[in-house]
Amino acid sequence: MPEGDTVWRTAHELHAALAGEPLVRSDLRVPRFATADLTGRRTLDVTPRGKHLLARLEGGLTLHSHLGMDGSWRVHAAGERRRGGPEHQIRAVLATAAHTAVGYRLPVLELLRTAEEERIVGHLGPDLLGPDWDAGEALRRLLERPERPVGEALLDQRVLAGIGNVYRSELCFLARRVPWAPVGTLPAPERLLALAHRLLRDNRLRLARSTTGRDRRDHRLWVYGREHRPCRRCGTAVRAGELGPPDALRIAYWCPGCQVEPECAEPGGAEPGRPAPER
């Protein structure tokens, strides 16, 4: 699942392949920009911003994309066979004489003026992998609503940019708090942000994300995707439930044995202290 580390790595791969060279082919396969021709323009840079990718081109244009849940960009050497998905899933093709970048299953793809980028990413909080990461500002935004579930706040890109559902569950486990614990109950919220920064930074160059420090397949994550399986730390069965505002519910994973439960209702409407419905 693409999160801030994946987007950072993708941006650097695209930059290495495209920056400084004129495009010999451009094909944007979305209705609004299907007739746009970027051929001849040089890519100035490809910059990640949270979960957003900004490819800046000569002439003051930016190609903005978002990977969503399963989008990706693949870079191929000229003449190399494509990999990443079938033809009908391709949303963008950008090619130089030496490389071709292909965007698959991109839920967001748009061309805008570079001067208008703030309209797209200006609402985002501090970027965990940005050169200007501001832990103090992220902490301020996190604590603005102390009653908010920490698992919900971590996914809010206006608080801090780059965390997705995998890191949300893993960070709550490592902080020993259930995802629906109010932010105000965290004993040291600044440590949670420091941990988030370290995990994304450490994983940004890895193809297989790990929060456990292990590289073996199926040993890389603590709780995410492990519902009903034993916790790696205490052996209790990992559980899962929906969490978030009604229009953005996502599955959160937690260990009832390792993570502290506050005096509030669990996901799914269970009463305090009682098990939430199995999902």
Protein backbone atom coordinates (compact mmCIF):
# COMPACT_ATOMS: atom_id res chain seq x y z
CA MET A 1 0.00 0.00 0.00
CA PRO A 2 1.58 3.34 -1.05
CA GLU A 3 2.38 5.61 1.88
CA GLY A 4 4.88 8.41 2.36
CA ASP A 5 7.94 6.18 2.07
CA THR A 6 6.69 4.65 -1.18
CA VAL A 7 5.87 8.06 -2.64
CA TRP A 8 9.31 9.42 -1.65
CA ARG A 9 11.04 6.48 -3.34
CA THR A 10 8.86 6.78 -6.43
CA ALA A 11 9.63 10.49 -6.74
CA HIS A 12 13.36 9.85 -6.58
CA GLU A 13 13.14 7.09 -9.20
CA LEU A 14 11.14 9.34 -11.53
CA HIS A 15 13.52 12.23 -10.97
CA ALA A 16 16.56 10.08 -11.76
CA ALA A 17 14.94 8.82 -14.97
CA LEU A 18 13.36 12.01 -16.31
CA ALA A 19 14.99 15.14 -14.90
CA GLY A 20 17.01 17.27 -17.30
CA GLU A 21 15.99 15.45 -20.48
CA PRO A 22 13.32 16.50 -23.01
CA LEU A 23 10.26 14.30 -23.27
CA VAL A 24 10.02 12.45 -26.58
CA ARG A 25 6.57 11.12 -25.72
CA SER A 26 3.74 12.08 -23.40
CA ASP A 27 0.39 10.35 -23.10
CA LEU A 28 -2.07 11.33 -20.37
CA ARG A 29 -4.95 8.89 -20.46
CA VAL A 30 -7.55 10.83 -18.53
CA PRO A 31 -10.35 12.60 -20.41
CA ARG A 32 -9.61 16.12 -19.19
CA PHE A 33 -5.96 16.07 -20.28
CA ALA A 34 -6.00 13.48 -23.07
CA THR A 35 -5.07 16.11 -25.68
CA ALA A 36 -2.24 17.68 -23.64
CA ASP A 37 1.12 17.33 -25.37
CA LEU A 38 4.21 17.70 -23.19
CA THR A 39 6.64 16.49 -25.86
CA GLY A 40 9.82 18.58 -25.99
CA ARG A 41 9.50 19.90 -22.44
CA ARG A 42 12.21 19.03 -19.93
CA THR A 43 11.35 17.68 -16.50
CA LEU A 44 12.88 20.04 -13.97
CA ASP A 45 12.30 17.89 -10.90
CA VAL A 46 9.95 15.37 -9.35
CA THR A 47 9.09 16.23 -5.78
CA PRO A 48 7.13 14.20 -3.19
CA ARG A 49 4.75 16.03 -0.87
CA GLY A 50 3.20 13.66 1.64
CA LYS A 51 1.36 11.18 -0.59
CA HIS A 52 1.40 13.52 -3.61
CA LEU A 53 3.84 13.52 -6.53
CA LEU A 54 4.67 16.77 -8.31
CA ALA A 55 6.55 16.48 -11.62
CA ARG A 56 7.57 20.02 -12.59
CA LEU A 57 8.12 20.74 -16.27
CA GLU A 58 9.51 23.56 -18.36
CA GLY A 59 7.02 26.27 -19.11
CA GLY A 60 5.63 26.48 -15.58
CA LEU A 61 3.60 23.25 -15.65
CA THR A 62 3.28 20.55 -12.99
CA LEU A 63 1.94 17.05 -13.51
CA HIS A 64 0.29 16.12 -10.22
CA SER A 65 -0.46 12.49 -9.36
CA HIS A 66 -1.59 10.55 -6.33
CA LEU A 67 -1.12 6.80 -5.93
CA GLY A 68 -4.26 6.25 -3.86
CA MET A 69 -4.65 2.67 -2.61
CA ASP A 70 -2.85 0.72 -5.36
CA GLY A 71 -1.49 3.14 -7.95
CA SER A 72 2.15 3.05 -9.04
CA TRP A 73 4.73 4.50 -11.40
CA ARG A 74 7.14 2.11 -13.12
CA VAL A 75 10.35 3.19 -14.84
CA HIS A 76 11.76 1.19 -17.75
CA ALA A 77 14.86 1.59 -19.85
CA ALA A 78 14.14 2.38 -23.49
CA GLY A 79 13.04 -0.79 -25.22
CA GLU A 80 12.54 -2.71 -21.97
CA ARG A 81 9.33 -4.67 -21.55
CA ARG A 82 6.70 -2.94 -19.43
CA ARG A 83 5.74 -4.28 -16.02
CA GLY A 84 3.16 -2.99 -13.58
CA GLY A 85 -0.19 -3.91 -15.04
CA PRO A 86 -2.25 -4.42 -18.20
CA GLU A 87 -2.59 -1.75 -20.87
CA HIS A 88 -6.06 -0.64 -19.76
CA GLN A 89 -4.70 0.33 -16.31
CA ILE A 90 -2.18 2.81 -17.71
CA ARG A 91 -3.03 6.43 -16.95
CA ALA A 92 0.19 8.18 -18.01
CA VAL A 93 3.28 7.62 -20.12
CA LEU A 94 6.28 9.97 -20.01
CA ALA A 95 9.33 9.05 -22.05
CA THR A 96 12.80 10.43 -22.70
CA ALA A 97 15.29 8.94 -25.15
CA ALA A 98 16.64 6.69 -22.38
CA HIS A 99 13.71 5.93 -20.06
CA THR A 100 9.95 5.52 -19.99
CA ALA A 101 7.84 6.17 -16.89
CA VAL A 102 4.39 4.56 -16.84
CA GLY A 103 1.70 5.42 -14.30
CA TYR A 104 -0.75 2.63 -13.46
CA ARG A 105 -4.14 2.89 -11.71
CA LEU A 106 -3.58 6.53 -10.71
CA PRO A 107 -6.80 7.83 -9.12
CA VAL A 108 -5.54 11.41 -9.45
CA LEU A 109 -3.72 12.74 -12.50
CA GLU A 110 -3.89 16.39 -13.49
CA LEU A 111 -1.88 19.07 -15.20
CA LEU A 112 -1.72 22.47 -13.53
CA ARG A 113 0.38 25.59 -13.37
CA THR A 114 3.33 25.21 -11.04
CA ALA A 115 2.34 28.50 -9.44
CA GLU A 116 -0.94 26.84 -8.41
CA GLU A 117 0.57 23.87 -6.53
CA GLU A 118 -0.47 25.30 -3.17
CA ARG A 119 -4.06 24.81 -4.21
CA ILE A 120 -3.35 21.07 -4.27
CA VAL A 121 -0.94 20.54 -1.37
CA GLY A 122 -1.16 23.75 0.66
CA HIS A 123 -3.52 22.18 3.18
CA LEU A 124 -1.08 19.42 4.12
CA GLY A 125 0.63 19.30 7.49
CA PRO A 126 4.40 18.89 7.92
CA ASP A 127 5.80 16.26 5.57
CA LEU A 128 7.47 13.44 7.50
CA LEU A 129 10.02 12.95 4.72
CA GLY A 130 10.25 16.54 3.59
CA PRO A 131 13.47 18.56 3.90
CA ASP A 132 11.55 21.01 6.07
CA TRP A 133 9.99 18.47 8.47
CA ASP A 134 8.75 20.47 11.45
CA ALA A 135 8.11 18.21 14.45
CA GLY A 136 6.95 21.13 16.59
CA GLU A 137 4.27 22.18 14.12
CA ALA A 138 3.13 18.58 13.69
CA LEU A 139 2.82 18.25 17.47
CA ARG A 140 0.82 21.47 17.67
CA ARG A 141 -1.62 20.21 15.04
CA LEU A 142 -1.88 16.79 16.68
CA LEU A 143 -2.77 18.31 20.07
CA GLU A 144 -5.33 20.75 18.70
CA ARG A 145 -8.05 18.13 19.23
CA PRO A 146 -7.06 16.06 22.30
CA GLU A 147 -10.36 14.16 22.25
CA ARG A 148 -9.75 12.81 18.75
CA PRO A 149 -8.79 9.11 18.34
CA VAL A 150 -5.07 8.90 17.73
CA GLY A 151 -5.59 6.44 14.89
CA GLU A 152 -7.85 8.92 13.14
CA ALA A 153 -5.50 11.86 13.71
CA LEU A 154 -2.52 9.98 12.28
CA LEU A 155 -4.35 9.48 8.98
CA ASP A 156 -5.31 13.15 8.72
CA GLN A 157 -2.86 14.59 6.21
CA ARG A 158 -3.62 18.09 7.55
CA VAL A 159 -1.96 17.06 10.81
CA LEU A 160 1.13 15.47 9.28
CA ALA A 161 1.64 14.19 5.76
CA GLY A 162 2.76 10.73 4.77
CA ILE A 163 1.09 8.21 7.10
CA GLY A 164 -1.33 5.65 5.71
CA ASN A 165 -3.22 2.72 7.15
CA VAL A 166 -0.20 0.45 7.58
CA TYR A 167 1.83 2.93 9.60
CA ARG A 168 -1.26 4.01 11.55
CA SER A 169 -1.74 0.52 12.97
CA GLU A 170 1.97 -0.11 13.49
CA LEU A 171 2.56 3.20 15.27
CA CYS A 172 -0.35 2.67 17.63
CA PHE A 173 1.03 -0.76 18.49
CA LEU A 174 4.52 0.57 19.14
CA ALA A 175 3.06 3.37 21.26
CA ARG A 176 1.06 0.70 23.21
CA ARG A 177 -2.22 2.53 22.68
CA VAL A 178 -5.32 1.22 20.90
CA PRO A 179 -6.13 3.23 17.74
CA TRP A 180 -9.27 4.78 19.26
CA ALA A 181 -7.44 6.12 22.34
CA PRO A 182 -7.85 9.93 22.51
CA VAL A 183 -4.78 11.89 21.53
CA GLY A 184 -4.88 13.53 24.95
CA THR A 185 -4.20 10.18 26.66
CA LEU A 186 -0.84 9.72 24.95
CA PRO A 187 1.87 10.01 27.63
CA ALA A 188 4.45 11.43 25.20
CA PRO A 189 2.93 12.39 21.83
CA GLU A 190 6.22 13.91 20.69
CA ARG A 191 7.78 10.45 20.89
CA LEU A 192 5.08 9.06 18.62
CA LEU A 193 5.90 11.70 16.01
CA ALA A 194 9.62 11.02 16.34
CA LEU A 195 8.94 7.31 15.85
CA ALA A 196 6.80 8.01 12.77
CA HIS A 197 9.59 10.12 11.31
CA ARG A 198 12.21 7.45 11.97
CA LEU A 199 10.14 4.57 10.56
CA LEU A 200 9.34 6.36 7.30
CA ARG A 201 12.91 7.60 6.96
CA ASP A 202 14.34 4.12 7.57
CA ASN A 203 11.94 2.52 5.06
CA ARG A 204 12.15 5.07 2.27
CA LEU A 205 14.84 3.09 0.40
CA ARG A 206 13.37 -0.36 1.13
CA LEU A 207 11.15 -2.21 -1.33
CA ALA A 208 9.67 -4.24 1.53
CA ARG A 209 8.58 -2.04 4.45
CA SER A 210 9.52 -3.26 7.94
CA THR A 211 8.50 -1.92 11.35
CA THR A 212 9.78 -4.91 13.34
CA GLY A 213 13.39 -4.64 12.21
CA ARG A 214 13.14 -8.01 10.46
CA ASP A 215 13.51 -8.69 6.75
CA ARG A 216 11.88 -12.11 6.56
CA ARG A 217 8.62 -12.17 4.66
CA ASP A 218 5.63 -12.22 7.00
CA HIS A 219 7.81 -11.01 9.87
CA ARG A 220 8.06 -7.37 8.86
CA LEU A 221 4.93 -5.94 10.53
CA TRP A 222 3.61 -6.16 14.08
CA VAL A 223 -0.18 -6.12 13.63
CA TYR A 224 -1.24 -4.76 10.24
CA GLY A 225 -3.07 -7.42 8.22
CA ARG A 226 -2.70 -9.98 11.02
CA GLU A 227 -6.28 -10.23 12.31
CA HIS A 228 -6.88 -13.44 14.35
CA ARG A 229 -3.15 -14.28 14.26
CA PRO A 230 -1.07 -14.26 17.47
CA CYS A 231 0.65 -11.05 18.50
CA ARG A 232 4.39 -11.30 17.96
CA ARG A 233 4.99 -9.84 21.40
CA CYS A 234 2.43 -11.46 23.72
CA GLY A 235 0.59 -14.12 21.69
CA THR A 236 -2.88 -12.56 22.01
CA ALA A 237 -4.97 -12.75 18.84
CA VAL A 238 -4.72 -9.52 16.83
CA ARG A 239 -8.05 -7.83 16.19
CA ALA A 240 -9.37 -5.43 13.58
CA GLY A 241 -12.19 -2.91 13.34
CA GLU A 242 -13.30 0.14 11.43
CA LEU A 243 -12.12 3.55 12.59
CA GLY A 244 -12.49 7.05 11.22
CA PRO A 245 -15.16 9.55 10.19
CA PRO A 246 -18.23 8.03 8.47
CA ASP A 247 -17.03 9.04 5.00
CA ALA A 248 -13.50 7.68 5.50
CA LEU A 249 -13.72 4.48 7.55
CA ARG A 250 -10.59 2.34 7.38
CA ILE A 251 -9.66 -0.93 9.05
CA ALA A 252 -7.36 -0.57 12.06
CA TYR A 253 -5.46 -3.46 13.65
CA TRP A 254 -4.43 -3.81 17.29
CA CYS A 255 -3.39 -6.27 19.99
CA PRO A 256 -5.73 -6.31 23.02
CA GLY A 257 -2.91 -7.65 25.18
CA CYS A 258 -0.22 -5.08 24.37
CA GLN A 259 -2.20 -1.91 23.69
CA VAL A 260 -3.78 0.10 26.49
CA GLU A 261 -7.51 0.69 26.23
CA PRO A 262 -8.93 4.04 27.37
CA GLU A 263 -12.32 4.48 29.00
CA CYS A 264 -14.20 5.01 25.76
CA ALA A 265 -16.16 2.96 23.24
CA GLU A 266 -14.32 0.74 20.81
CA PRO A 267 -14.87 0.72 17.05
CA GLY A 268 -18.11 -0.94 16.10
CA GLY A 269 -20.11 0.55 18.97
CA ALA A 270 -19.01 -1.74 21.79
CA GLU A 271 -19.34 -0.48 25.32
CA PRO A 272 -16.18 0.49 27.23
CA GLY A 273 -14.33 -2.56 28.49
CA ARG A 274 -16.25 -5.01 26.31
CA PRO A 275 -14.90 -6.67 23.16
CA ALA A 276 -15.74 -5.02 19.88
CA PRO A 277 -17.50 -7.22 17.31
CA GLU A 278 -15.14 -9.46 15.34
CA ARG A 279 -14.67 -8.32 11.74
